[in-house]
Amino acid sequence: MATKDVKHIGLRVSPEVHNKLRYLATYEGRTINGQVQYLILQCIRDFEKEHGPIDLEEPS
């Protein structure tokens, strides 16, 4: 995936959440960014498993 194909999102979290996320990421051998991406993809997989594929052509 080329850098220009990656979207940036800002995320504000409390210091406690940040520290716990960093702990989890380190435990899993990921960066914080990698851990957040993993969690987002897991959420999408869980949603699609229950509700079917998300149709990006359909207006939200």
N, C-alpha and C. Protein backbone atom coordinates (compact mmCIF):
# COMPACT_ATOMS: atom_id res chain seq x y z
N MET A 1 0.85 -1.17 0.00
CA MET A 1 0.00 0.00 0.00
C MET A 1 0.90 1.24 0.00
N ALA A 2 0.73 2.08 -0.98
CA ALA A 2 1.54 3.29 -1.10
C ALA A 2 1.12 4.30 -0.03
N THR A 3 2.07 5.11 0.40
CA THR A 3 1.82 6.10 1.44
C THR A 3 0.67 7.02 1.07
N LYS A 4 0.57 7.40 -0.20
CA LYS A 4 -0.50 8.32 -0.61
C LYS A 4 -1.87 7.66 -0.53
N ASP A 5 -1.92 6.32 -0.45
CA ASP A 5 -3.18 5.60 -0.34
C ASP A 5 -3.64 5.42 1.10
N VAL A 6 -2.86 5.91 2.05
CA VAL A 6 -3.18 5.76 3.47
C VAL A 6 -3.77 7.06 3.99
N LYS A 7 -4.91 6.94 4.66
CA LYS A 7 -5.57 8.11 5.25
C LYS A 7 -5.09 8.31 6.68
N HIS A 8 -4.97 9.53 7.07
CA HIS A 8 -4.55 9.88 8.43
C HIS A 8 -5.77 10.27 9.24
N ILE A 9 -5.89 9.72 10.44
CA ILE A 9 -6.93 10.16 11.36
C ILE A 9 -6.28 10.52 12.68
N GLY A 10 -6.70 11.62 13.25
CA GLY A 10 -6.22 12.02 14.56
C GLY A 10 -7.11 11.38 15.62
N LEU A 11 -6.53 10.99 16.71
CA LEU A 11 -7.29 10.34 17.76
C LEU A 11 -6.82 10.89 19.10
N ARG A 12 -7.74 11.42 19.86
CA ARG A 12 -7.40 11.95 21.17
C ARG A 12 -7.85 10.97 22.23
N VAL A 13 -6.93 10.61 23.10
CA VAL A 13 -7.22 9.69 24.20
C VAL A 13 -6.57 10.21 25.47
N SER A 14 -7.09 9.75 26.59
CA SER A 14 -6.51 10.14 27.87
C SER A 14 -5.13 9.51 28.03
N PRO A 15 -4.30 10.09 28.90
CA PRO A 15 -2.98 9.48 29.14
C PRO A 15 -3.09 8.03 29.62
N GLU A 16 -4.11 7.72 30.41
CA GLU A 16 -4.27 6.35 30.90
C GLU A 16 -4.55 5.39 29.74
N VAL A 17 -5.45 5.77 28.85
CA VAL A 17 -5.77 4.93 27.69
C VAL A 17 -4.54 4.79 26.79
N HIS A 18 -3.82 5.88 26.59
CA HIS A 18 -2.60 5.84 25.78
C HIS A 18 -1.58 4.87 26.36
N ASN A 19 -1.36 4.96 27.66
CA ASN A 19 -0.39 4.07 28.30
C ASN A 19 -0.81 2.60 28.22
N LYS A 20 -2.10 2.34 28.40
CA LYS A 20 -2.59 0.96 28.32
C LYS A 20 -2.52 0.45 26.89
N LEU A 21 -2.83 1.30 25.93
CA LEU A 21 -2.74 0.91 24.53
C LEU A 21 -1.29 0.62 24.15
N ARG A 22 -0.37 1.45 24.62
CA ARG A 22 1.05 1.21 24.36
C ARG A 22 1.49 -0.12 24.96
N TYR A 23 1.01 -0.43 26.16
CA TYR A 23 1.32 -1.70 26.81
C TYR A 23 0.82 -2.87 25.95
N LEU A 24 -0.46 -2.79 25.53
CA LEU A 24 -1.02 -3.86 24.70
C LEU A 24 -0.26 -4.01 23.39
N ALA A 25 0.04 -2.88 22.76
CA ALA A 25 0.76 -2.92 21.49
C ALA A 25 2.12 -3.59 21.66
N THR A 26 2.83 -3.20 22.68
CA THR A 26 4.15 -3.79 22.94
C THR A 26 4.01 -5.29 23.22
N TYR A 27 3.04 -5.66 24.00
CA TYR A 27 2.80 -7.06 24.31
C TYR A 27 2.53 -7.87 23.05
N GLU A 28 1.79 -7.29 22.12
CA GLU A 28 1.45 -7.97 20.87
C GLU A 28 2.52 -7.80 19.79
N GLY A 29 3.58 -7.05 20.09
CA GLY A 29 4.67 -6.87 19.13
C GLY A 29 4.31 -5.88 18.03
N ARG A 30 3.46 -4.92 18.36
CA ARG A 30 3.04 -3.92 17.38
C ARG A 30 3.39 -2.52 17.88
N THR A 31 3.35 -1.58 16.95
CA THR A 31 3.40 -0.17 17.33
C THR A 31 2.00 0.22 17.79
N ILE A 32 1.87 1.38 18.40
CA ILE A 32 0.54 1.85 18.77
C ILE A 32 -0.32 1.99 17.52
N ASN A 33 0.23 2.56 16.47
CA ASN A 33 -0.51 2.70 15.22
C ASN A 33 -0.95 1.33 14.69
N GLY A 34 -0.04 0.38 14.71
CA GLY A 34 -0.36 -0.96 14.24
C GLY A 34 -1.44 -1.62 15.09
N GLN A 35 -1.40 -1.38 16.40
CA GLN A 35 -2.41 -1.94 17.28
C GLN A 35 -3.78 -1.33 17.02
N VAL A 36 -3.82 -0.02 16.83
CA VAL A 36 -5.09 0.65 16.54
C VAL A 36 -5.64 0.14 15.21
N GLN A 37 -4.80 0.02 14.20
CA GLN A 37 -5.25 -0.49 12.91
C GLN A 37 -5.77 -1.92 13.06
N TYR A 38 -5.07 -2.75 13.81
CA TYR A 38 -5.51 -4.12 14.06
C TYR A 38 -6.89 -4.13 14.72
N LEU A 39 -7.09 -3.30 15.73
CA LEU A 39 -8.37 -3.24 16.44
C LEU A 39 -9.50 -2.75 15.54
N ILE A 40 -9.22 -1.77 14.70
CA ILE A 40 -10.23 -1.27 13.77
C ILE A 40 -10.62 -2.37 12.78
N LEU A 41 -9.63 -3.05 12.22
CA LEU A 41 -9.92 -4.13 11.27
C LEU A 41 -10.69 -5.26 11.94
N GLN A 42 -10.38 -5.56 13.19
CA GLN A 42 -11.11 -6.60 13.93
C GLN A 42 -12.56 -6.18 14.12
N CYS A 43 -12.79 -4.92 14.42
CA CYS A 43 -14.14 -4.39 14.58
C CYS A 43 -14.92 -4.50 13.27
N ILE A 44 -14.28 -4.17 12.16
CA ILE A 44 -14.93 -4.28 10.85
C ILE A 44 -15.26 -5.74 10.55
N ARG A 45 -14.32 -6.66 10.80
CA ARG A 45 -14.57 -8.09 10.56
C ARG A 45 -15.75 -8.58 11.39
N ASP A 46 -15.80 -8.19 12.67
CA ASP A 46 -16.90 -8.60 13.55
C ASP A 46 -18.24 -8.06 13.05
N PHE A 47 -18.26 -6.80 12.63
CA PHE A 47 -19.48 -6.19 12.12
C PHE A 47 -19.97 -6.92 10.87
N GLU A 48 -19.03 -7.14 9.93
CA GLU A 48 -19.41 -7.78 8.67
C GLU A 48 -19.82 -9.24 8.88
N LYS A 49 -19.24 -9.88 9.86
CA LYS A 49 -19.63 -11.26 10.17
C LYS A 49 -21.09 -11.31 10.62
N GLU A 50 -21.51 -10.31 11.38
CA GLU A 50 -22.88 -10.27 11.90
C GLU A 50 -23.86 -9.66 10.90
N HIS A 51 -23.43 -8.65 10.15
CA HIS A 51 -24.35 -7.88 9.31
C HIS A 51 -24.12 -8.04 7.81
N GLY A 52 -23.09 -8.73 7.43
CA GLY A 52 -22.76 -8.87 6.01
C GLY A 52 -21.80 -7.77 5.59
N PRO A 53 -21.25 -7.91 4.38
CA PRO A 53 -20.26 -6.94 3.90
C PRO A 53 -20.79 -5.51 3.88
N ILE A 54 -19.93 -4.60 4.18
CA ILE A 54 -20.27 -3.18 4.12
C ILE A 54 -20.17 -2.74 2.66
N ASP A 55 -21.26 -2.19 2.15
CA ASP A 55 -21.31 -1.72 0.76
C ASP A 55 -20.88 -0.25 0.73
N LEU A 56 -19.68 0.00 0.26
CA LEU A 56 -19.16 1.37 0.23
C LEU A 56 -19.79 2.20 -0.87
N GLU A 57 -20.50 1.57 -1.79
CA GLU A 57 -21.17 2.32 -2.86
C GLU A 57 -22.50 2.89 -2.39
N GLU A 58 -23.05 2.30 -1.33
CA GLU A 58 -24.34 2.76 -0.80
C GLU A 58 -24.11 3.97 0.09
N PRO A 59 -24.89 5.05 -0.11
CA PRO A 59 -24.71 6.23 0.74
C PRO A 59 -25.01 5.91 2.20
N SER A 60 -24.22 6.50 3.10
CA SER A 60 -24.42 6.22 4.52
C SER A 60 -25.46 7.12 5.15
